[in-house]
Amino acid sequence: MRSWWRAWFAMAYGGLYGVGAPAATVLGTVQFVRDGDPFFLALAVVMAAVSAVALPVLVQTLRALAGRPRLRLEPGALVIRYPVLFRRPLRVAREDVQGAAPLDRSHSDPPGAVDYSLSEVTPFREPLNLEVRLHGSHLFEGARGKWTGNWIWHCRRPWATRPQFPEPGLRYRRLRLRVRDPGRTAEQVGAWAAQDQGRK
């Protein structure tokens, strides 16, 4: 499902085809112009198509390996920035945030369990330590789909559960992510959300 081996496979795939395919496209085009051989034209077209598939995967994989989700509390919204999973920052209005709680291994879901109201803000199989709970279910606008280079994370083995990171068109009540200090972050989110409830 989501794993580091898949990331390195995507890097090798994207590096090989993302660099080699454009070069082959240029060489095939030059050779076709020079000799007029239709084989080189076909080669250039095929390699151009491969480049169009490989380059987005390479870009998204580099983002995933180099970046981490960033959570920020603004006066009116909780904001999560993570270009790997969101085309634009995810903004959840403060009145829609119920609170947050740290997670440990005792909170882990049973193997194979799928909770469609839960979104995991990571493409990797890694221990997540913070859960943000929302009032009601919410549509995460700006969630990336498979065809923007994220299809590599959707590839699954037959025995693996489906990915639970944000998907376009689905609604969620809980978000899980990894933070440096889950206890402190949960307190900050809870106090921040309580300010809005106190004004009502």
N, C-alpha and C. Protein backbone atom coordinates (compact mmCIF):
# COMPACT_ATOMS: atom_id res chain seq x y z
N MET A 1 0.86 -1.18 0.00
CA MET A 1 0.00 0.00 0.00
C MET A 1 0.89 1.22 0.00
N ARG A 2 1.04 1.89 1.12
CA ARG A 2 1.96 3.03 1.20
C ARG A 2 3.23 2.53 1.87
N SER A 3 4.36 2.72 1.25
CA SER A 3 5.59 2.19 1.84
C SER A 3 6.80 2.87 1.23
N TRP A 4 7.92 2.77 1.93
CA TRP A 4 9.15 3.37 1.44
C TRP A 4 9.65 2.64 0.21
N TRP A 5 9.47 1.31 0.15
CA TRP A 5 9.96 0.60 -1.04
C TRP A 5 9.22 1.09 -2.27
N ARG A 6 7.94 1.43 -2.13
CA ARG A 6 7.19 1.94 -3.27
C ARG A 6 7.74 3.30 -3.69
N ALA A 7 8.17 4.10 -2.72
CA ALA A 7 8.74 5.41 -3.03
C ALA A 7 10.04 5.25 -3.82
N TRP A 8 10.90 4.36 -3.37
CA TRP A 8 12.17 4.19 -4.08
C TRP A 8 11.96 3.54 -5.44
N PHE A 9 10.96 2.65 -5.54
CA PHE A 9 10.63 2.10 -6.85
C PHE A 9 10.17 3.21 -7.79
N ALA A 10 9.34 4.12 -7.27
CA ALA A 10 8.85 5.23 -8.08
C ALA A 10 10.00 6.15 -8.49
N MET A 11 10.98 6.32 -7.59
CA MET A 11 12.14 7.14 -7.92
C MET A 11 12.93 6.51 -9.07
N ALA A 12 13.15 5.18 -8.97
CA ALA A 12 13.89 4.49 -10.03
C ALA A 12 13.11 4.55 -11.34
N TYR A 13 11.81 4.31 -11.26
CA TYR A 13 10.95 4.35 -12.45
C TYR A 13 10.95 5.75 -13.06
N GLY A 14 10.70 6.74 -12.21
CA GLY A 14 10.64 8.10 -12.71
C GLY A 14 11.98 8.60 -13.20
N GLY A 15 13.06 8.21 -12.52
CA GLY A 15 14.38 8.64 -12.94
C GLY A 15 14.78 8.03 -14.27
N LEU A 16 14.49 6.73 -14.42
CA LEU A 16 14.86 6.05 -15.65
C LEU A 16 14.08 6.59 -16.84
N TYR A 17 12.76 6.64 -16.68
CA TYR A 17 11.92 7.06 -17.80
C TYR A 17 11.77 8.58 -17.87
N GLY A 18 11.83 9.24 -16.71
CA GLY A 18 11.68 10.69 -16.71
C GLY A 18 12.86 11.40 -17.35
N VAL A 19 14.04 10.76 -17.31
CA VAL A 19 15.23 11.33 -17.95
C VAL A 19 15.46 10.67 -19.31
N GLY A 20 15.38 9.32 -19.34
CA GLY A 20 15.67 8.61 -20.57
C GLY A 20 14.65 8.82 -21.66
N ALA A 21 13.35 8.87 -21.29
CA ALA A 21 12.30 9.00 -22.30
C ALA A 21 12.36 10.35 -23.02
N PRO A 22 12.52 11.48 -22.31
CA PRO A 22 12.66 12.75 -23.05
C PRO A 22 13.87 12.76 -23.98
N ALA A 23 14.97 12.17 -23.49
CA ALA A 23 16.17 12.12 -24.34
C ALA A 23 15.90 11.28 -25.59
N ALA A 24 15.23 10.15 -25.42
CA ALA A 24 14.90 9.30 -26.57
C ALA A 24 13.93 10.01 -27.51
N THR A 25 13.02 10.81 -26.95
CA THR A 25 12.08 11.57 -27.77
C THR A 25 12.83 12.55 -28.67
N VAL A 26 13.77 13.28 -28.08
CA VAL A 26 14.55 14.26 -28.85
C VAL A 26 15.39 13.56 -29.92
N LEU A 27 16.08 12.48 -29.52
CA LEU A 27 16.93 11.77 -30.47
C LEU A 27 16.11 11.15 -31.61
N GLY A 28 14.94 10.58 -31.27
CA GLY A 28 14.08 10.00 -32.30
C GLY A 28 13.57 11.04 -33.27
N THR A 29 13.22 12.21 -32.72
CA THR A 29 12.72 13.29 -33.59
C THR A 29 13.82 13.79 -34.52
N VAL A 30 15.01 13.99 -33.97
CA VAL A 30 16.15 14.46 -34.80
C VAL A 30 16.48 13.44 -35.89
N GLN A 31 16.47 12.15 -35.51
CA GLN A 31 16.80 11.11 -36.49
C GLN A 31 15.74 11.02 -37.58
N PHE A 32 14.46 11.21 -37.19
CA PHE A 32 13.38 11.18 -38.18
C PHE A 32 13.51 12.34 -39.16
N VAL A 33 13.81 13.54 -38.64
CA VAL A 33 13.98 14.71 -39.51
C VAL A 33 15.16 14.49 -40.45
N ARG A 34 16.21 13.87 -39.94
CA ARG A 34 17.41 13.67 -40.76
C ARG A 34 17.21 12.58 -41.82
N ASP A 35 16.62 11.42 -41.41
CA ASP A 35 16.54 10.27 -42.31
C ASP A 35 15.15 10.04 -42.89
N GLY A 36 14.11 10.55 -42.22
CA GLY A 36 12.75 10.32 -42.69
C GLY A 36 12.23 8.93 -42.40
N ASP A 37 12.93 8.18 -41.55
CA ASP A 37 12.53 6.81 -41.22
C ASP A 37 11.35 6.85 -40.24
N PRO A 38 10.18 6.28 -40.58
CA PRO A 38 9.01 6.33 -39.68
C PRO A 38 9.23 5.61 -38.37
N PHE A 39 10.19 4.68 -38.32
CA PHE A 39 10.48 4.01 -37.05
C PHE A 39 10.88 5.01 -35.97
N PHE A 40 11.70 5.98 -36.33
CA PHE A 40 12.16 6.97 -35.35
C PHE A 40 11.03 7.91 -34.93
N LEU A 41 10.10 8.17 -35.84
CA LEU A 41 8.93 8.97 -35.48
C LEU A 41 8.07 8.23 -34.47
N ALA A 42 7.85 6.92 -34.71
CA ALA A 42 7.08 6.11 -33.76
C ALA A 42 7.78 6.05 -32.40
N LEU A 43 9.11 5.90 -32.42
CA LEU A 43 9.88 5.87 -31.18
C LEU A 43 9.71 7.17 -30.41
N ALA A 44 9.78 8.29 -31.11
CA ALA A 44 9.64 9.59 -30.46
C ALA A 44 8.26 9.76 -29.84
N VAL A 45 7.22 9.32 -30.54
CA VAL A 45 5.85 9.44 -30.02
C VAL A 45 5.67 8.57 -28.78
N VAL A 46 6.13 7.33 -28.81
CA VAL A 46 6.00 6.43 -27.67
C VAL A 46 6.77 6.97 -26.46
N MET A 47 7.98 7.43 -26.67
CA MET A 47 8.79 7.95 -25.57
C MET A 47 8.20 9.24 -24.99
N ALA A 48 7.57 10.05 -25.82
CA ALA A 48 6.90 11.25 -25.33
C ALA A 48 5.74 10.88 -24.42
N ALA A 49 4.99 9.83 -24.80
CA ALA A 49 3.88 9.36 -23.97
C ALA A 49 4.39 8.81 -22.63
N VAL A 50 5.49 8.07 -22.67
CA VAL A 50 6.09 7.54 -21.44
C VAL A 50 6.53 8.69 -20.53
N SER A 51 7.10 9.74 -21.10
CA SER A 51 7.54 10.90 -20.32
C SER A 51 6.36 11.54 -19.61
N ALA A 52 5.22 11.64 -20.31
CA ALA A 52 4.04 12.28 -19.73
C ALA A 52 3.53 11.52 -18.51
N VAL A 53 3.76 10.21 -18.46
CA VAL A 53 3.35 9.40 -17.31
C VAL A 53 4.40 9.41 -16.21
N ALA A 54 5.68 9.35 -16.60
CA ALA A 54 6.76 9.19 -15.62
C ALA A 54 7.07 10.46 -14.86
N LEU A 55 7.06 11.60 -15.53
CA LEU A 55 7.48 12.84 -14.86
C LEU A 55 6.58 13.23 -13.68
N PRO A 56 5.24 13.17 -13.80
CA PRO A 56 4.42 13.49 -12.62
C PRO A 56 4.69 12.57 -11.44
N VAL A 57 4.93 11.27 -11.71
CA VAL A 57 5.25 10.33 -10.63
C VAL A 57 6.54 10.73 -9.95
N LEU A 58 7.54 11.09 -10.74
CA LEU A 58 8.83 11.48 -10.18
C LEU A 58 8.69 12.73 -9.33
N VAL A 59 7.95 13.72 -9.81
CA VAL A 59 7.77 14.97 -9.05
C VAL A 59 7.07 14.70 -7.73
N GLN A 60 5.98 13.92 -7.75
CA GLN A 60 5.24 13.65 -6.52
C GLN A 60 6.05 12.82 -5.54
N THR A 61 6.85 11.89 -6.05
CA THR A 61 7.67 11.07 -5.17
C THR A 61 8.76 11.90 -4.51
N LEU A 62 9.39 12.79 -5.27
CA LEU A 62 10.39 13.68 -4.68
C LEU A 62 9.76 14.55 -3.59
N ARG A 63 8.54 15.04 -3.85
CA ARG A 63 7.84 15.82 -2.83
C ARG A 63 7.60 14.99 -1.57
N ALA A 64 7.16 13.76 -1.75
CA ALA A 64 6.85 12.91 -0.61
C ALA A 64 8.09 12.59 0.21
N LEU A 65 9.22 12.36 -0.46
CA LEU A 65 10.45 12.03 0.25
C LEU A 65 11.07 13.24 0.92
N ALA A 66 10.91 14.41 0.32
CA ALA A 66 11.59 15.60 0.83
C ALA A 66 10.74 16.41 1.81
N GLY A 67 9.42 16.29 1.72
CA GLY A 67 8.56 17.15 2.54
C GLY A 67 7.76 16.38 3.56
N ARG A 68 7.21 17.14 4.51
CA ARG A 68 6.34 16.58 5.53
C ARG A 68 5.08 17.45 5.61
N PRO A 69 3.97 16.89 6.05
CA PRO A 69 2.78 17.73 6.25
C PRO A 69 3.06 18.82 7.29
N ARG A 70 2.53 20.00 7.05
CA ARG A 70 2.67 21.13 7.98
C ARG A 70 1.30 21.54 8.49
N LEU A 71 1.12 21.51 9.79
CA LEU A 71 -0.14 21.89 10.42
C LEU A 71 0.03 23.25 11.08
N ARG A 72 -0.91 24.17 10.80
CA ARG A 72 -0.84 25.50 11.39
C ARG A 72 -2.23 25.91 11.85
N LEU A 73 -2.28 26.59 13.01
CA LEU A 73 -3.54 27.11 13.53
C LEU A 73 -3.62 28.59 13.22
N GLU A 74 -4.56 28.96 12.36
CA GLU A 74 -4.81 30.36 12.07
C GLU A 74 -6.01 30.82 12.90
N PRO A 75 -6.28 32.12 12.99
CA PRO A 75 -7.40 32.58 13.81
C PRO A 75 -8.73 31.92 13.48
N GLY A 76 -8.99 31.63 12.20
CA GLY A 76 -10.29 31.08 11.86
C GLY A 76 -10.28 29.68 11.28
N ALA A 77 -9.10 29.08 11.12
CA ALA A 77 -9.06 27.78 10.44
C ALA A 77 -7.81 26.99 10.82
N LEU A 78 -7.95 25.67 10.80
CA LEU A 78 -6.82 24.76 10.91
C LEU A 78 -6.36 24.49 9.47
N VAL A 79 -5.07 24.69 9.22
CA VAL A 79 -4.54 24.59 7.86
C VAL A 79 -3.47 23.49 7.81
N ILE A 80 -3.62 22.60 6.84
CA ILE A 80 -2.62 21.56 6.61
C ILE A 80 -2.08 21.73 5.19
N ARG A 81 -0.77 21.91 5.08
CA ARG A 81 -0.11 22.04 3.78
C ARG A 81 0.68 20.76 3.51
N TYR A 82 0.36 20.12 2.40
CA TYR A 82 1.10 18.93 1.98
C TYR A 82 0.84 18.73 0.49
N PRO A 83 1.70 19.28 -0.37
CA PRO A 83 1.45 19.23 -1.81
C PRO A 83 1.32 17.83 -2.39
N VAL A 84 1.82 16.82 -1.68
CA VAL A 84 1.72 15.46 -2.18
C VAL A 84 0.25 15.01 -2.25
N LEU A 85 -0.55 15.38 -1.26
CA LEU A 85 -1.93 14.92 -1.18
C LEU A 85 -2.96 16.01 -1.47
N PHE A 86 -2.55 17.29 -1.41
CA PHE A 86 -3.49 18.39 -1.62
C PHE A 86 -2.95 19.36 -2.68
N ARG A 87 -3.79 19.71 -3.64
CA ARG A 87 -3.38 20.70 -4.65
C ARG A 87 -3.22 22.08 -4.04
N ARG A 88 -3.97 22.35 -2.99
CA ARG A 88 -3.87 23.62 -2.26
C ARG A 88 -4.04 23.30 -0.78
N PRO A 89 -3.64 24.19 0.12
CA PRO A 89 -3.72 23.89 1.55
C PRO A 89 -5.14 23.51 1.98
N LEU A 90 -5.22 22.47 2.81
CA LEU A 90 -6.50 22.05 3.38
C LEU A 90 -6.86 23.00 4.52
N ARG A 91 -8.02 23.62 4.45
CA ARG A 91 -8.47 24.55 5.48
C ARG A 91 -9.76 24.01 6.10
N VAL A 92 -9.74 23.85 7.43
CA VAL A 92 -10.92 23.41 8.16
C VAL A 92 -11.29 24.53 9.13
N ALA A 93 -12.50 25.07 8.99
CA ALA A 93 -12.93 26.19 9.85
C ALA A 93 -12.88 25.78 11.31
N ARG A 94 -12.54 26.73 12.17
CA ARG A 94 -12.38 26.42 13.59
C ARG A 94 -13.66 25.86 14.20
N GLU A 95 -14.82 26.36 13.76
CA GLU A 95 -16.07 25.85 14.34
C GLU A 95 -16.34 24.40 13.93
N ASP A 96 -15.61 23.90 12.94
CA ASP A 96 -15.79 22.51 12.51
C ASP A 96 -14.83 21.55 13.19
N VAL A 97 -13.89 22.08 13.98
CA VAL A 97 -12.90 21.23 14.66
C VAL A 97 -13.38 20.94 16.07
N GLN A 98 -13.53 19.67 16.37
CA GLN A 98 -13.97 19.24 17.70
C GLN A 98 -12.82 19.22 18.69
N GLY A 99 -11.67 18.77 18.24
CA GLY A 99 -10.50 18.68 19.10
C GLY A 99 -9.49 17.73 18.51
N ALA A 100 -8.50 17.35 19.32
CA ALA A 100 -7.45 16.44 18.86
C ALA A 100 -7.00 15.57 20.02
N ALA A 101 -6.46 14.43 19.71
CA ALA A 101 -5.97 13.51 20.74
C ALA A 101 -4.74 12.79 20.23
N PRO A 102 -3.74 12.59 21.11
CA PRO A 102 -2.57 11.80 20.69
C PRO A 102 -2.95 10.34 20.53
N LEU A 103 -2.25 9.65 19.64
CA LEU A 103 -2.49 8.24 19.39
C LEU A 103 -1.26 7.44 19.80
N ASP A 104 -1.49 6.24 20.27
CA ASP A 104 -0.38 5.31 20.49
C ASP A 104 -0.78 3.97 19.87
N ARG A 105 0.03 2.97 20.06
CA ARG A 105 -0.23 1.68 19.40
C ARG A 105 -1.53 1.06 19.85
N SER A 106 -2.03 1.40 21.06
CA SER A 106 -3.28 0.83 21.52
C SER A 106 -4.47 1.35 20.72
N HIS A 107 -4.28 2.48 19.97
CA HIS A 107 -5.35 3.04 19.15
C HIS A 107 -5.33 2.50 17.73
N SER A 108 -4.37 1.64 17.42
CA SER A 108 -4.25 1.19 16.02
C SER A 108 -5.46 0.34 15.66
N ASP A 109 -5.89 0.46 14.43
CA ASP A 109 -7.04 -0.27 13.95
C ASP A 109 -6.66 -1.72 13.66
N PRO A 110 -7.62 -2.64 13.71
CA PRO A 110 -7.32 -4.04 13.39
C PRO A 110 -6.80 -4.17 11.97
N PRO A 111 -5.92 -5.14 11.72
CA PRO A 111 -5.38 -5.33 10.36
C PRO A 111 -6.51 -5.53 9.36
N GLY A 112 -6.43 -4.84 8.24
CA GLY A 112 -7.42 -4.98 7.19
C GLY A 112 -8.66 -4.13 7.38
N ALA A 113 -8.79 -3.45 8.54
CA ALA A 113 -9.97 -2.63 8.78
C ALA A 113 -9.90 -1.35 7.95
N VAL A 114 -11.02 -0.95 7.40
CA VAL A 114 -11.10 0.28 6.61
C VAL A 114 -12.19 1.15 7.18
N ASP A 115 -11.84 2.35 7.60
CA ASP A 115 -12.81 3.31 8.12
C ASP A 115 -12.89 4.45 7.12
N TYR A 116 -14.00 4.54 6.40
CA TYR A 116 -14.11 5.51 5.32
C TYR A 116 -14.30 6.93 5.84
N SER A 117 -14.50 7.10 7.14
CA SER A 117 -14.60 8.46 7.69
C SER A 117 -13.24 8.96 8.16
N LEU A 118 -12.21 8.13 8.02
CA LEU A 118 -10.86 8.46 8.49
C LEU A 118 -9.96 8.76 7.30
N SER A 119 -9.18 9.84 7.42
CA SER A 119 -8.20 10.19 6.41
C SER A 119 -6.82 10.23 7.06
N GLU A 120 -5.84 9.57 6.43
CA GLU A 120 -4.48 9.57 6.93
C GLU A 120 -3.63 10.47 6.03
N VAL A 121 -3.04 11.49 6.63
CA VAL A 121 -2.32 12.49 5.85
C VAL A 121 -0.87 12.04 5.67
N THR A 122 -0.69 10.98 4.91
CA THR A 122 0.63 10.48 4.54
C THR A 122 0.46 9.45 3.44
N PRO A 123 1.40 9.37 2.50
CA PRO A 123 1.34 8.28 1.52
C PRO A 123 2.12 7.05 1.99
N PHE A 124 2.75 7.12 3.18
CA PHE A 124 3.63 6.05 3.64
C PHE A 124 2.97 5.23 4.74
N ARG A 125 3.41 3.98 4.87
CA ARG A 125 3.01 3.16 6.00
C ARG A 125 3.94 3.53 7.16
N GLU A 126 3.47 4.38 8.04
CA GLU A 126 4.28 4.87 9.15
C GLU A 126 3.37 5.09 10.35
N PRO A 127 3.91 5.05 11.56
CA PRO A 127 3.07 5.27 12.75
C PRO A 127 2.59 6.72 12.84
N LEU A 128 1.29 6.91 12.84
CA LEU A 128 0.70 8.25 12.98
C LEU A 128 0.36 8.45 14.45
N ASN A 129 0.58 9.65 14.96
CA ASN A 129 0.49 9.84 16.41
C ASN A 129 -0.49 10.93 16.85
N LEU A 130 -1.24 11.51 15.92
CA LEU A 130 -2.21 12.55 16.29
C LEU A 130 -3.47 12.38 15.46
N GLU A 131 -4.63 12.48 16.13
CA GLU A 131 -5.91 12.42 15.44
C GLU A 131 -6.67 13.71 15.69
N VAL A 132 -7.09 14.38 14.62
CA VAL A 132 -7.91 15.58 14.69
C VAL A 132 -9.34 15.17 14.38
N ARG A 133 -10.27 15.51 15.30
CA ARG A 133 -11.67 15.11 15.14
C ARG A 133 -12.51 16.32 14.76
N LEU A 134 -13.44 16.09 13.83
CA LEU A 134 -14.26 17.16 13.30
C LEU A 134 -15.72 16.99 13.72
N HIS A 135 -16.45 18.11 13.74
CA HIS A 135 -17.90 18.06 13.92
C HIS A 135 -18.53 17.70 12.58
N GLY A 136 -19.14 16.54 12.47
CA GLY A 136 -19.74 16.15 11.22
C GLY A 136 -18.69 15.70 10.21
N SER A 137 -19.14 15.40 8.99
CA SER A 137 -18.23 14.96 7.94
C SER A 137 -18.00 16.11 6.96
N HIS A 138 -16.81 16.14 6.40
CA HIS A 138 -16.42 17.26 5.54
C HIS A 138 -15.73 16.77 4.28
N LEU A 139 -16.01 17.48 3.20
CA LEU A 139 -15.38 17.21 1.92
C LEU A 139 -14.05 17.96 1.86
N PHE A 140 -12.98 17.25 1.58
CA PHE A 140 -11.67 17.88 1.51
C PHE A 140 -11.41 18.34 0.09
N GLU A 141 -11.81 19.54 -0.20
CA GLU A 141 -11.59 20.08 -1.53
C GLU A 141 -10.09 20.27 -1.76
N GLY A 142 -9.67 20.01 -2.95
CA GLY A 142 -8.25 20.15 -3.27
C GLY A 142 -7.46 18.87 -3.09
N ALA A 143 -8.11 17.77 -2.63
CA ALA A 143 -7.40 16.49 -2.52
C ALA A 143 -7.01 16.01 -3.92
N ARG A 144 -5.79 15.54 -4.06
CA ARG A 144 -5.31 15.09 -5.36
C ARG A 144 -5.90 13.73 -5.72
N GLY A 145 -6.15 13.52 -7.02
CA GLY A 145 -6.60 12.24 -7.52
C GLY A 145 -5.44 11.39 -8.01
N LYS A 146 -5.76 10.25 -8.57
CA LYS A 146 -4.73 9.31 -9.02
C LYS A 146 -3.93 9.85 -10.20
N TRP A 147 -4.55 10.65 -11.06
CA TRP A 147 -3.94 10.96 -12.34
C TRP A 147 -3.04 12.18 -12.29
N THR A 148 -2.70 12.66 -11.10
CA THR A 148 -1.77 13.78 -10.97
C THR A 148 -0.40 13.30 -10.49
N GLY A 149 -0.12 12.02 -10.68
CA GLY A 149 1.15 11.46 -10.25
C GLY A 149 1.04 10.65 -8.98
N ASN A 150 -0.15 10.60 -8.37
CA ASN A 150 -0.33 9.86 -7.11
C ASN A 150 -0.78 8.43 -7.34
N TRP A 151 -0.92 7.99 -8.58
CA TRP A 151 -1.41 6.64 -8.82
C TRP A 151 -0.46 5.59 -8.25
N ILE A 152 0.83 5.93 -8.13
CA ILE A 152 1.79 4.97 -7.60
C ILE A 152 1.44 4.57 -6.17
N TRP A 153 0.84 5.50 -5.40
CA TRP A 153 0.49 5.20 -4.00
C TRP A 153 -0.77 4.34 -3.91
N HIS A 154 -1.56 4.31 -4.98
CA HIS A 154 -2.79 3.52 -4.97
C HIS A 154 -2.55 2.08 -5.38
N CYS A 155 -1.38 1.77 -5.93
CA CYS A 155 -1.08 0.39 -6.30
C CYS A 155 -1.06 -0.45 -5.02
N ARG A 156 -1.71 -1.58 -5.06
CA ARG A 156 -1.84 -2.36 -3.84
C ARG A 156 -1.54 -3.82 -4.11
N ARG A 157 -1.09 -4.49 -3.07
CA ARG A 157 -0.95 -5.92 -3.12
C ARG A 157 -2.31 -6.55 -2.80
N PRO A 158 -2.54 -7.80 -3.22
CA PRO A 158 -3.86 -8.40 -2.98
C PRO A 158 -4.23 -8.46 -1.50
N TRP A 159 -3.24 -8.59 -0.60
CA TRP A 159 -3.56 -8.76 0.82
C TRP A 159 -3.54 -7.43 1.59
N ALA A 160 -3.30 -6.33 0.91
CA ALA A 160 -3.19 -5.04 1.60
C ALA A 160 -4.54 -4.33 1.61
N THR A 161 -4.76 -3.55 2.68
CA THR A 161 -5.96 -2.73 2.74
C THR A 161 -5.80 -1.52 1.82
N ARG A 162 -6.90 -0.90 1.45
CA ARG A 162 -6.86 0.24 0.54
C ARG A 162 -6.25 1.45 1.25
N PRO A 163 -5.62 2.34 0.54
CA PRO A 163 -5.10 3.56 1.15
C PRO A 163 -6.22 4.38 1.78
N GLN A 164 -5.91 5.07 2.87
CA GLN A 164 -6.90 5.90 3.54
C GLN A 164 -6.49 7.37 3.54
N PHE A 165 -5.60 7.75 2.60
CA PHE A 165 -5.28 9.17 2.52
C PHE A 165 -6.40 9.88 1.75
N PRO A 166 -6.46 11.21 1.81
CA PRO A 166 -7.59 11.95 1.24
C PRO A 166 -7.80 11.65 -0.24
N GLU A 167 -9.06 11.49 -0.61
CA GLU A 167 -9.41 11.26 -2.01
C GLU A 167 -10.52 12.22 -2.42
N PRO A 168 -10.50 12.69 -3.65
CA PRO A 168 -11.52 13.63 -4.10
C PRO A 168 -12.92 13.02 -4.00
N GLY A 169 -13.87 13.83 -3.52
CA GLY A 169 -15.26 13.40 -3.47
C GLY A 169 -15.66 12.64 -2.24
N LEU A 170 -14.70 12.24 -1.38
CA LEU A 170 -15.04 11.52 -0.16
C LEU A 170 -15.10 12.49 1.02
N ARG A 171 -15.92 12.16 2.01
CA ARG A 171 -16.11 13.02 3.18
C ARG A 171 -15.49 12.33 4.39
N TYR A 172 -14.93 13.15 5.30
CA TYR A 172 -14.19 12.61 6.44
C TYR A 172 -14.59 13.29 7.74
N ARG A 173 -14.47 12.54 8.83
CA ARG A 173 -14.75 13.06 10.17
C ARG A 173 -13.49 13.14 11.02
N ARG A 174 -12.43 12.42 10.61
CA ARG A 174 -11.19 12.38 11.40
C ARG A 174 -9.99 12.43 10.47
N LEU A 175 -8.92 13.08 10.95
CA LEU A 175 -7.65 13.11 10.23
C LEU A 175 -6.56 12.58 11.15
N ARG A 176 -5.70 11.77 10.61
CA ARG A 176 -4.54 11.31 11.38
C ARG A 176 -3.27 11.75 10.66
N LEU A 177 -2.31 12.21 11.44
CA LEU A 177 -1.02 12.60 10.88
C LEU A 177 0.06 12.42 11.92
N ARG A 178 1.29 12.67 11.52
CA ARG A 178 2.44 12.50 12.41
C ARG A 178 3.00 13.87 12.74
N VAL A 179 3.14 14.15 14.04
CA VAL A 179 3.70 15.42 14.50
C VAL A 179 4.84 15.13 15.47
N ARG A 180 5.64 16.15 15.73
CA ARG A 180 6.82 15.96 16.58
C ARG A 180 6.43 15.72 18.04
N ASP A 181 5.45 16.48 18.55
CA ASP A 181 5.04 16.35 19.95
C ASP A 181 3.51 16.22 19.98
N PRO A 182 2.99 14.98 19.91
CA PRO A 182 1.54 14.81 19.80
C PRO A 182 0.76 15.32 21.01
N GLY A 183 1.30 15.15 22.22
CA GLY A 183 0.61 15.62 23.41
C GLY A 183 0.43 17.13 23.42
N ARG A 184 1.52 17.84 23.16
CA ARG A 184 1.48 19.30 23.14
C ARG A 184 0.59 19.81 22.00
N THR A 185 0.71 19.19 20.83
CA THR A 185 -0.10 19.62 19.69
C THR A 185 -1.58 19.39 19.95
N ALA A 186 -1.93 18.25 20.57
CA ALA A 186 -3.34 17.98 20.88
C ALA A 186 -3.89 19.02 21.85
N GLU A 187 -3.09 19.42 22.83
CA GLU A 187 -3.53 20.46 23.77
C GLU A 187 -3.74 21.79 23.06
N GLN A 188 -2.82 22.14 22.18
CA GLN A 188 -2.95 23.41 21.46
C GLN A 188 -4.20 23.43 20.57
N VAL A 189 -4.43 22.32 19.85
CA VAL A 189 -5.61 22.26 18.99
C VAL A 189 -6.88 22.30 19.81
N GLY A 190 -6.89 21.58 20.94
CA GLY A 190 -8.08 21.57 21.80
C GLY A 190 -8.38 22.94 22.37
N ALA A 191 -7.35 23.63 22.85
CA ALA A 191 -7.55 24.98 23.40
C ALA A 191 -7.98 25.96 22.32
N TRP A 192 -7.41 25.83 21.14
CA TRP A 192 -7.75 26.70 20.02
C TRP A 192 -9.20 26.49 19.60
N ALA A 193 -9.64 25.22 19.50
CA ALA A 193 -11.02 24.92 19.12
C ALA A 193 -12.01 25.37 20.19
N ALA A 194 -11.61 25.27 21.48
CA ALA A 194 -12.51 25.67 22.57
C ALA A 194 -12.78 27.15 22.57
N GLN A 195 -11.88 27.96 22.03
CA GLN A 195 -12.10 29.40 21.97
C GLN A 195 -13.35 29.72 21.15
N ASP A 196 -13.55 29.01 20.05
CA ASP A 196 -14.73 29.26 19.24
C ASP A 196 -15.99 28.78 19.95
N GLN A 197 -15.90 27.62 20.64
CA GLN A 197 -17.07 27.11 21.34
C GLN A 197 -17.44 28.01 22.51
N GLY A 198 -16.44 28.65 23.10
CA GLY A 198 -16.69 29.54 24.23
C GLY A 198 -17.43 30.80 23.83
N ARG A 199 -17.28 31.22 22.57
CA ARG A 199 -17.96 32.42 22.12
C ARG A 199 -19.42 32.18 21.78
N LYS A 200 -19.82 30.88 21.61
CA LYS A 200 -21.19 30.59 21.17
C LYS A 200 -22.17 30.69 22.32
